[in-house]
Amino acid sequence: MTETAAGTDWQAWQQSWDRQQEWYMPDREERFRVMLDMIEAVVGPEPRVLDLACGTGSITDRLLKRFPEATSTGVDLDPALLAIARGSFAGDERATFVTADLKDPEWVERLPHDTYDAVLTATALHWLRSEPLTTLYGQLAGLVRDGGVFMNADRMIDTATPRINAAERAHRHAAMDRAKAAGALDWADWWALAAEDPVLAAPTAERYKIYGEHADGDMPSARWHAETLRAAGFGEARAVWASPSDSLVLAVK
């Protein structure tokens, strides 16, 4: 990755992360579009947003480009991805980033606001098991204002459809193999580059101490997410977008 005269080219790292994620999810931008459509429809074009498990700030980036009057608080624990996020949004007062562990019962105390119009997350909470995810949903019900929304776009597996799941997985992996042969970076490739970068090497080493290798959680169905969110205190919840493997669940407080 290149460096500019002023320092690290954070935008290049941001774009590289997006490309790596798109290798796994070619419809990634579509879920972001639907997410922002629902923000506009339910809470309006000037939302105060919590970008949950924000990574490099992909949601915040698209949010602020579409809604210039919005503000975003990004929260994550990964020091390397947060370094990219903070570098990418340096000087933009609309974006704030907080280091916190979502499994820490007191993580909400690190946030700059008590309530949010919207809490958004994508491709992040699948690493939580069902029990801590249920606890997190209860915390989020307390953060979202009445009339506000929570949206989670992620891998959600319906175990009642094994043949559909197998066909989808085979088709998706065949496309990924073709993209990899054409030079696409996968998760391991991307992190190997980060580990070699003079600026990101130290935070990358730290993130491996925190997380170890990437591990998936339970990945329950969209129906489970909707039912759990309603039980946590949201008035309505259902999937508003789906691909053969992923869903976007919207909950309204």
C-alpha atoms as a PDB file:
ATOM      1  CA  MET A   1       0.000   0.000   0.000  1.00  0.00           C
ATOM      2  CA  THR A   2       1.307   3.406  -0.914  1.00  0.00           C
ATOM      3  CA  GLU A   3       2.019   6.316   1.392  1.00  0.00           C
ATOM      4  CA  THR A   4       1.493   9.974   0.543  1.00  0.00           C
ATOM      5  CA  ALA A   5       3.963  12.738   1.364  1.00  0.00           C
ATOM      6  CA  ALA A   6       1.788  13.647   4.343  1.00  0.00           C
ATOM      7  CA  GLY A   7       1.671  10.086   5.665  1.00  0.00           C
ATOM      8  CA  THR A   8      -0.334   6.932   5.166  1.00  0.00           C
ATOM      9  CA  ASP A   9      -2.852   6.901   2.325  1.00  0.00           C
ATOM     10  CA  TRP A  10      -5.864   6.039   4.472  1.00  0.00           C
ATOM     11  CA  GLN A  11      -8.323   6.310   1.618  1.00  0.00           C
ATOM     12  CA  ALA A  12      -6.380   3.654  -0.278  1.00  0.00           C
ATOM     13  CA  TRP A  13      -6.590   1.368   2.735  1.00  0.00           C
ATOM     14  CA  GLN A  14     -10.314   2.090   3.034  1.00  0.00           C
ATOM     15  CA  GLN A  15     -10.879   1.190  -0.610  1.00  0.00           C
ATOM     16  CA  SER A  16      -8.737  -1.913  -0.287  1.00  0.00           C
ATOM     17  CA  TRP A  17     -10.849  -3.084   2.660  1.00  0.00           C
ATOM     18  CA  ASP A  18     -14.027  -2.521   0.642  1.00  0.00           C
ATOM     19  CA  ARG A  19     -12.684  -4.578  -2.267  1.00  0.00           C
ATOM     20  CA  GLN A  20     -11.685  -7.407   0.055  1.00  0.00           C
ATOM     21  CA  GLN A  21     -15.146  -7.467   1.642  1.00  0.00           C
ATOM     22  CA  GLU A  22     -16.802  -7.423  -1.780  1.00  0.00           C
ATOM     23  CA  TRP A  23     -14.913 -10.592  -2.660  1.00  0.00           C
ATOM     24  CA  TYR A  24     -17.083 -12.321  -0.059  1.00  0.00           C
ATOM     25  CA  MET A  25     -20.218 -10.219  -0.673  1.00  0.00           C
ATOM     26  CA  PRO A  26     -20.647  -8.959  -4.252  1.00  0.00           C
ATOM     27  CA  ASP A  27     -24.030  -7.451  -3.261  1.00  0.00           C
ATOM     28  CA  ARG A  28     -22.517  -5.484  -0.357  1.00  0.00           C
ATOM     29  CA  GLU A  29     -23.388  -2.080  -1.820  1.00  0.00           C
ATOM     30  CA  GLU A  30     -26.979  -3.139  -2.351  1.00  0.00           C
ATOM     31  CA  ARG A  31     -27.476  -3.861   1.348  1.00  0.00           C
ATOM     32  CA  PHE A  32     -25.938  -0.484   2.198  1.00  0.00           C
ATOM     33  CA  ARG A  33     -28.333   1.218  -0.220  1.00  0.00           C
ATOM     34  CA  VAL A  34     -31.368  -0.436   1.346  1.00  0.00           C
ATOM     35  CA  MET A  35     -30.071   0.386   4.819  1.00  0.00           C
ATOM     36  CA  LEU A  36     -29.791   4.081   3.969  1.00  0.00           C
ATOM     37  CA  ASP A  37     -33.148   4.045   2.178  1.00  0.00           C
ATOM     38  CA  MET A  38     -34.762   2.869   5.398  1.00  0.00           C
ATOM     39  CA  ILE A  39     -32.899   5.482   7.423  1.00  0.00           C
ATOM     40  CA  GLU A  40     -34.380   8.164   5.185  1.00  0.00           C
ATOM     41  CA  ALA A  41     -37.839   6.596   5.269  1.00  0.00           C
ATOM     42  CA  VAL A  42     -38.084   6.097   9.038  1.00  0.00           C
ATOM     43  CA  VAL A  43     -35.900   8.702  10.784  1.00  0.00           C
ATOM     44  CA  GLY A  44     -35.105  11.261   8.081  1.00  0.00           C
ATOM     45  CA  PRO A  45     -31.983  12.670   6.385  1.00  0.00           C
ATOM     46  CA  GLU A  46     -30.228  14.147   9.457  1.00  0.00           C
ATOM     47  CA  PRO A  47     -29.816  11.159  11.768  1.00  0.00           C
ATOM     48  CA  ARG A  48     -27.515  10.702  14.725  1.00  0.00           C
ATOM     49  CA  VAL A  49     -26.111   7.225  13.996  1.00  0.00           C
ATOM     50  CA  LEU A  50     -24.174   4.631  15.957  1.00  0.00           C
ATOM     51  CA  ASP A  51     -22.018   2.623  13.548  1.00  0.00           C
ATOM     52  CA  LEU A  52     -21.736  -0.578  15.564  1.00  0.00           C
ATOM     53  CA  ALA A  53     -18.628  -2.737  15.099  1.00  0.00           C
ATOM     54  CA  CYS A  54     -17.694  -0.111  12.530  1.00  0.00           C
ATOM     55  CA  GLY A  55     -14.407  -1.537  11.248  1.00  0.00           C
ATOM     56  CA  THR A  56     -12.889   0.952   8.815  1.00  0.00           C
ATOM     57  CA  GLY A  57     -16.080   3.044   8.802  1.00  0.00           C
ATOM     58  CA  SER A  58     -17.685   1.692   5.635  1.00  0.00           C
ATOM     59  CA  ILE A  59     -21.213   2.489   6.832  1.00  0.00           C
ATOM     60  CA  THR A  60     -20.183   5.927   8.109  1.00  0.00           C
ATOM     61  CA  ASP A  61     -18.584   6.705   4.751  1.00  0.00           C
ATOM     62  CA  ARG A  62     -21.753   5.954   2.817  1.00  0.00           C
ATOM     63  CA  LEU A  63     -23.983   7.588   5.430  1.00  0.00           C
ATOM     64  CA  LEU A  64     -22.180  10.941   5.338  1.00  0.00           C
ATOM     65  CA  LYS A  65     -21.926  10.977   1.549  1.00  0.00           C
ATOM     66  CA  ARG A  66     -25.670  10.461   1.193  1.00  0.00           C
ATOM     67  CA  PHE A  67     -26.743  12.549   4.202  1.00  0.00           C
ATOM     68  CA  PRO A  68     -24.292  15.438   4.697  1.00  0.00           C
ATOM     69  CA  GLU A  69     -26.122  16.637   7.840  1.00  0.00           C
ATOM     70  CA  ALA A  70     -25.880  13.267   9.572  1.00  0.00           C
ATOM     71  CA  THR A  71     -23.443  12.481  12.391  1.00  0.00           C
ATOM     72  CA  SER A  72     -21.884   9.138  13.231  1.00  0.00           C
ATOM     73  CA  THR A  73     -20.254   7.492  16.227  1.00  0.00           C
ATOM     74  CA  GLY A  74     -18.248   4.446  15.192  1.00  0.00           C
ATOM     75  CA  VAL A  75     -17.432   1.871  17.850  1.00  0.00           C
ATOM     76  CA  ASP A  76     -15.071  -1.088  17.477  1.00  0.00           C
ATOM     77  CA  LEU A  77     -12.289  -2.917  19.303  1.00  0.00           C
ATOM     78  CA  ASP A  78      -9.988  -3.687  16.372  1.00  0.00           C
ATOM     79  CA  PRO A  79      -7.016  -1.265  16.596  1.00  0.00           C
ATOM     80  CA  ALA A  80      -5.955  -1.680  12.958  1.00  0.00           C
ATOM     81  CA  LEU A  81      -9.394  -1.089  11.455  1.00  0.00           C
ATOM     82  CA  LEU A  82      -9.985   1.832  13.823  1.00  0.00           C
ATOM     83  CA  ALA A  83      -6.667   3.349  12.724  1.00  0.00           C
ATOM     84  CA  ILE A  84      -7.911   3.307   9.135  1.00  0.00           C
ATOM     85  CA  ALA A  85     -11.267   4.752  10.170  1.00  0.00           C
ATOM     86  CA  ARG A  86      -9.736   7.560  12.196  1.00  0.00           C
ATOM     87  CA  GLY A  87      -7.257   8.342   9.441  1.00  0.00           C
ATOM     88  CA  SER A  88      -9.937   8.326   6.751  1.00  0.00           C
ATOM     89  CA  PHE A  89     -12.215  10.726   8.631  1.00  0.00           C
ATOM     90  CA  ALA A  90      -9.548  12.954  10.194  1.00  0.00           C
ATOM     91  CA  GLY A  91     -10.837  16.539  10.309  1.00  0.00           C
ATOM     92  CA  ASP A  92     -14.486  15.558   9.709  1.00  0.00           C
ATOM     93  CA  GLU A  93     -16.329  16.647  12.851  1.00  0.00           C
ATOM     94  CA  ARG A  94     -19.371  14.612  11.845  1.00  0.00           C
ATOM     95  CA  ALA A  95     -17.562  11.337  12.603  1.00  0.00           C
ATOM     96  CA  THR A  96     -16.300  10.169  16.002  1.00  0.00           C
ATOM     97  CA  PHE A  97     -14.689   6.814  16.774  1.00  0.00           C
ATOM     98  CA  VAL A  98     -14.672   4.972  20.092  1.00  0.00           C
ATOM     99  CA  THR A  99     -12.666   1.937  21.180  1.00  0.00           C
ATOM    100  CA  ALA A 100     -14.880  -0.487  23.100  1.00  0.00           C
ATOM    101  CA  ASP A 101     -15.536  -4.211  23.484  1.00  0.00           C
ATOM    102  CA  LEU A 102     -19.188  -5.033  22.796  1.00  0.00           C
ATOM    103  CA  LYS A 103     -18.936  -7.977  25.188  1.00  0.00           C
ATOM    104  CA  ASP A 104     -18.025  -5.598  28.025  1.00  0.00           C
ATOM    105  CA  PRO A 105     -21.269  -4.898  29.943  1.00  0.00           C
ATOM    106  CA  GLU A 106     -20.225  -1.259  30.335  1.00  0.00           C
ATOM    107  CA  TRP A 107     -19.254  -0.526  26.720  1.00  0.00           C
ATOM    108  CA  VAL A 108     -22.173   1.892  26.270  1.00  0.00           C
ATOM    109  CA  GLU A 109     -20.622   4.214  28.855  1.00  0.00           C
ATOM    110  CA  ARG A 110     -17.859   5.028  26.369  1.00  0.00           C
ATOM    111  CA  LEU A 111     -20.314   6.523  23.888  1.00  0.00           C
ATOM    112  CA  PRO A 112     -20.652  10.315  23.563  1.00  0.00           C
ATOM    113  CA  HIS A 113     -24.482  10.189  23.450  1.00  0.00           C
ATOM    114  CA  ASP A 114     -27.154   8.439  25.506  1.00  0.00           C
ATOM    115  CA  THR A 115     -29.505   7.853  22.579  1.00  0.00           C
ATOM    116  CA  TYR A 116     -29.328   7.495  18.804  1.00  0.00           C
ATOM    117  CA  ASP A 117     -31.790   7.812  15.946  1.00  0.00           C
ATOM    118  CA  ALA A 118     -30.285   4.728  14.360  1.00  0.00           C
ATOM    119  CA  VAL A 119     -27.840   1.949  15.165  1.00  0.00           C
ATOM    120  CA  LEU A 120     -26.387   0.291  12.066  1.00  0.00           C
ATOM    121  CA  THR A 121     -24.108  -2.691  11.664  1.00  0.00           C
ATOM    122  CA  ALA A 122     -23.037  -4.929   8.795  1.00  0.00           C
ATOM    123  CA  THR A 123     -21.053  -8.153   8.501  1.00  0.00           C
ATOM    124  CA  ALA A 124     -19.862  -7.941  12.088  1.00  0.00           C
ATOM    125  CA  LEU A 125     -22.133  -9.511  14.690  1.00  0.00           C
ATOM    126  CA  HIS A 126     -21.900 -13.027  13.205  1.00  0.00           C
ATOM    127  CA  TRP A 127     -18.869 -13.599  15.443  1.00  0.00           C
ATOM    128  CA  LEU A 128     -21.082 -13.333  18.541  1.00  0.00           C
ATOM    129  CA  ARG A 129     -22.809 -16.402  19.920  1.00  0.00           C
ATOM    130  CA  SER A 130     -26.557 -16.233  20.483  1.00  0.00           C
ATOM    131  CA  GLU A 131     -26.401 -15.550  24.229  1.00  0.00           C
ATOM    132  CA  PRO A 132     -24.100 -12.493  24.121  1.00  0.00           C
ATOM    133  CA  LEU A 133     -25.920 -11.267  21.009  1.00  0.00           C
ATOM    134  CA  THR A 134     -29.217 -11.419  22.912  1.00  0.00           C
ATOM    135  CA  THR A 135     -27.624  -9.370  25.695  1.00  0.00           C
ATOM    136  CA  LEU A 136     -26.321  -6.856  23.154  1.00  0.00           C
ATOM    137  CA  TYR A 137     -29.769  -6.480  21.590  1.00  0.00           C
ATOM    138  CA  GLY A 138     -31.149  -5.620  25.013  1.00  0.00           C
ATOM    139  CA  GLN A 139     -28.521  -2.899  25.388  1.00  0.00           C
ATOM    140  CA  LEU A 140     -29.307  -1.521  21.936  1.00  0.00           C
ATOM    141  CA  ALA A 141     -33.000  -1.274  22.800  1.00  0.00           C
ATOM    142  CA  GLY A 142     -31.943   1.196  25.469  1.00  0.00           C
ATOM    143  CA  LEU A 143     -29.790   3.225  23.078  1.00  0.00           C
ATOM    144  CA  VAL A 144     -32.280   3.647  20.227  1.00  0.00           C
ATOM    145  CA  ARG A 145     -34.781   6.451  20.802  1.00  0.00           C
ATOM    146  CA  ASP A 146     -38.508   5.823  20.481  1.00  0.00           C
ATOM    147  CA  GLY A 147     -39.251   5.801  16.764  1.00  0.00           C
ATOM    148  CA  GLY A 148     -35.608   5.086  15.960  1.00  0.00           C
ATOM    149  CA  VAL A 149     -34.208   2.042  14.206  1.00  0.00           C
ATOM    150  CA  PHE A 150     -31.662  -0.722  14.463  1.00  0.00           C
ATOM    151  CA  MET A 151     -30.429  -2.522  11.349  1.00  0.00           C
ATOM    152  CA  ASN A 152     -28.178  -5.543  11.083  1.00  0.00           C
ATOM    153  CA  ALA A 153     -26.999  -6.806   7.684  1.00  0.00           C
ATOM    154  CA  ASP A 154     -25.136 -10.082   8.083  1.00  0.00           C
ATOM    155  CA  ARG A 155     -24.876 -13.781   7.372  1.00  0.00           C
ATOM    156  CA  MET A 156     -28.079 -15.342   8.708  1.00  0.00           C
ATOM    157  CA  ILE A 157     -28.536 -19.067   8.141  1.00  0.00           C
ATOM    158  CA  ASP A 158     -31.909 -20.828   7.995  1.00  0.00           C
ATOM    159  CA  THR A 159     -31.117 -24.403   8.969  1.00  0.00           C
ATOM    160  CA  ALA A 160     -34.531 -25.541   7.712  1.00  0.00           C
ATOM    161  CA  THR A 161     -33.337 -25.199   4.082  1.00  0.00           C
ATOM    162  CA  PRO A 162     -30.200 -27.374   3.790  1.00  0.00           C
ATOM    163  CA  ARG A 163     -30.415 -27.981   0.024  1.00  0.00           C
ATOM    164  CA  ILE A 164     -30.851 -24.285  -0.713  1.00  0.00           C
ATOM    165  CA  ASN A 165     -27.979 -23.479   1.640  1.00  0.00           C
ATOM    166  CA  ALA A 166     -25.675 -26.002  -0.032  1.00  0.00           C
ATOM    167  CA  ALA A 167     -26.495 -24.777  -3.540  1.00  0.00           C
ATOM    168  CA  GLU A 168     -25.952 -21.149  -2.542  1.00  0.00           C
ATOM    169  CA  ARG A 169     -22.651 -21.925  -0.865  1.00  0.00           C
ATOM    170  CA  ALA A 170     -21.341 -23.860  -3.880  1.00  0.00           C
ATOM    171  CA  HIS A 171     -22.354 -21.091  -6.297  1.00  0.00           C
ATOM    172  CA  ARG A 172     -20.879 -18.350  -4.114  1.00  0.00           C
ATOM    173  CA  HIS A 173     -17.578 -20.158  -3.601  1.00  0.00           C
ATOM    174  CA  ALA A 174     -17.230 -20.846  -7.327  1.00  0.00           C
ATOM    175  CA  ALA A 175     -17.537 -17.102  -7.987  1.00  0.00           C
ATOM    176  CA  MET A 176     -15.036 -16.369  -5.213  1.00  0.00           C
ATOM    177  CA  ASP A 177     -12.559 -18.844  -6.725  1.00  0.00           C
ATOM    178  CA  ARG A 178     -12.829 -17.099 -10.090  1.00  0.00           C
ATOM    179  CA  ALA A 179     -12.283 -13.691  -8.504  1.00  0.00           C
ATOM    180  CA  LYS A 180      -9.315 -14.982  -6.505  1.00  0.00           C
ATOM    181  CA  ALA A 181      -7.741 -16.364  -9.684  1.00  0.00           C
ATOM    182  CA  ALA A 182      -8.129 -12.882 -11.186  1.00  0.00           C
ATOM    183  CA  GLY A 183      -6.198 -11.314  -8.294  1.00  0.00           C
ATOM    184  CA  ALA A 184      -8.786 -10.535  -5.602  1.00  0.00           C
ATOM    185  CA  LEU A 185      -7.497 -10.341  -2.023  1.00  0.00           C
ATOM    186  CA  ASP A 186      -9.121 -12.557   0.573  1.00  0.00           C
ATOM    187  CA  TRP A 187      -9.205 -11.961   4.353  1.00  0.00           C
ATOM    188  CA  ALA A 188      -5.822 -13.568   5.007  1.00  0.00           C
ATOM    189  CA  ASP A 189      -4.146 -11.782   2.078  1.00  0.00           C
ATOM    190  CA  TRP A 190      -5.428  -8.398   3.226  1.00  0.00           C
ATOM    191  CA  TRP A 191      -4.239  -8.844   6.791  1.00  0.00           C
ATOM    192  CA  ALA A 192      -0.852 -10.037   5.566  1.00  0.00           C
ATOM    193  CA  LEU A 193      -0.471  -6.727   3.718  1.00  0.00           C
ATOM    194  CA  ALA A 194      -1.526  -4.789   6.804  1.00  0.00           C
ATOM    195  CA  ALA A 195       1.053  -6.657   8.896  1.00  0.00           C
ATOM    196  CA  GLU A 196       3.785  -5.524   6.491  1.00  0.00           C
ATOM    197  CA  ASP A 197       2.781  -1.857   6.491  1.00  0.00           C
ATOM    198  CA  PRO A 198       5.021   0.390   8.649  1.00  0.00           C
ATOM    199  CA  VAL A 199       2.026   2.182  10.188  1.00  0.00           C
ATOM    200  CA  LEU A 200      -0.436  -0.721  10.523  1.00  0.00           C
ATOM    201  CA  ALA A 201       1.996  -3.458  11.563  1.00  0.00           C
ATOM    202  CA  ALA A 202       1.777  -2.725  15.309  1.00  0.00           C
ATOM    203  CA  PRO A 203      -2.032  -2.367  15.515  1.00  0.00           C
ATOM    204  CA  THR A 204      -2.399  -5.467  13.335  1.00  0.00           C
ATOM    205  CA  ALA A 205      -0.245  -7.474  15.746  1.00  0.00           C
ATOM    206  CA  GLU A 206      -2.344  -6.105  18.620  1.00  0.00           C
ATOM    207  CA  ARG A 207      -5.619  -7.095  16.964  1.00  0.00           C
ATOM    208  CA  TYR A 208      -4.423 -10.695  16.622  1.00  0.00           C
ATOM    209  CA  LYS A 209      -3.681 -10.709  20.351  1.00  0.00           C
ATOM    210  CA  ILE A 210      -7.259  -9.563  20.952  1.00  0.00           C
ATOM    211  CA  TYR A 211      -9.119 -11.749  18.457  1.00  0.00           C
ATOM    212  CA  GLY A 212      -6.815 -14.518  17.307  1.00  0.00           C
ATOM    213  CA  GLU A 213      -7.908 -15.907  13.953  1.00  0.00           C
ATOM    214  CA  HIS A 214     -11.309 -14.928  12.590  1.00  0.00           C
ATOM    215  CA  ALA A 215     -14.063 -17.118  14.069  1.00  0.00           C
ATOM    216  CA  ASP A 216     -17.785 -17.228  13.347  1.00  0.00           C
ATOM    217  CA  GLY A 217     -20.552 -17.312  15.905  1.00  0.00           C
ATOM    218  CA  ASP A 218     -23.892 -19.090  15.644  1.00  0.00           C
ATOM    219  CA  MET A 219     -25.267 -17.111  12.651  1.00  0.00           C
ATOM    220  CA  PRO A 220     -28.967 -17.751  13.457  1.00  0.00           C
ATOM    221  CA  SER A 221     -31.767 -17.069  10.999  1.00  0.00           C
ATOM    222  CA  ALA A 222     -33.323 -13.699  10.210  1.00  0.00           C
ATOM    223  CA  ARG A 223     -36.448 -14.893  12.000  1.00  0.00           C
ATOM    224  CA  TRP A 224     -34.417 -15.489  15.174  1.00  0.00           C
ATOM    225  CA  HIS A 225     -32.958 -11.977  14.963  1.00  0.00           C
ATOM    226  CA  ALA A 226     -36.405 -10.416  14.501  1.00  0.00           C
ATOM    227  CA  GLU A 227     -37.944 -12.379  17.377  1.00  0.00           C
ATOM    228  CA  THR A 228     -35.008 -11.608  19.675  1.00  0.00           C
ATOM    229  CA  LEU A 229     -35.156  -7.896  18.868  1.00  0.00           C
ATOM    230  CA  ARG A 230     -38.877  -7.757  19.608  1.00  0.00           C
ATOM    231  CA  ALA A 231     -38.293  -9.556  22.895  1.00  0.00           C
ATOM    232  CA  ALA A 232     -35.558  -7.025  23.709  1.00  0.00           C
ATOM    233  CA  GLY A 233     -38.004  -4.118  23.449  1.00  0.00           C
ATOM    234  CA  PHE A 234     -38.311  -3.177  19.788  1.00  0.00           C
ATOM    235  CA  GLY A 235     -41.884  -2.749  18.600  1.00  0.00           C
ATOM    236  CA  GLU A 236     -41.450  -4.197  15.119  1.00  0.00           C
ATOM    237  CA  ALA A 237     -38.710  -6.209  13.428  1.00  0.00           C
ATOM    238  CA  ARG A 238     -38.362  -8.108  10.160  1.00  0.00           C
ATOM    239  CA  ALA A 239     -36.042  -8.676   7.231  1.00  0.00           C
ATOM    240  CA  VAL A 240     -36.262  -5.858   4.658  1.00  0.00           C
ATOM    241  CA  TRP A 241     -33.652  -7.249   2.249  1.00  0.00           C
ATOM    242  CA  ALA A 242     -32.163 -10.663   1.594  1.00  0.00           C
ATOM    243  CA  SER A 243     -29.749 -12.456  -0.702  1.00  0.00           C
ATOM    244  CA  PRO A 244     -29.510 -16.253  -0.819  1.00  0.00           C
ATOM    245  CA  SER A 245     -27.067 -16.165   2.129  1.00  0.00           C
ATOM    246  CA  ASP A 246     -27.463 -12.816   3.937  1.00  0.00           C
ATOM    247  CA  SER A 247     -30.282 -10.688   5.333  1.00  0.00           C
ATOM    248  CA  LEU A 248     -30.860  -7.142   6.521  1.00  0.00           C
ATOM    249  CA  VAL A 249     -33.089  -7.083   9.578  1.00  0.00           C
ATOM    250  CA  LEU A 250     -34.744  -3.790  10.522  1.00  0.00           C
ATOM    251  CA  ALA A 251     -36.160  -3.158  13.993  1.00  0.00           C
ATOM    252  CA  VAL A 252     -38.163  -0.046  14.961  1.00  0.00           C
ATOM    253  CA  LYS A 253     -38.272   1.046  18.614  1.00  0.00           C
END
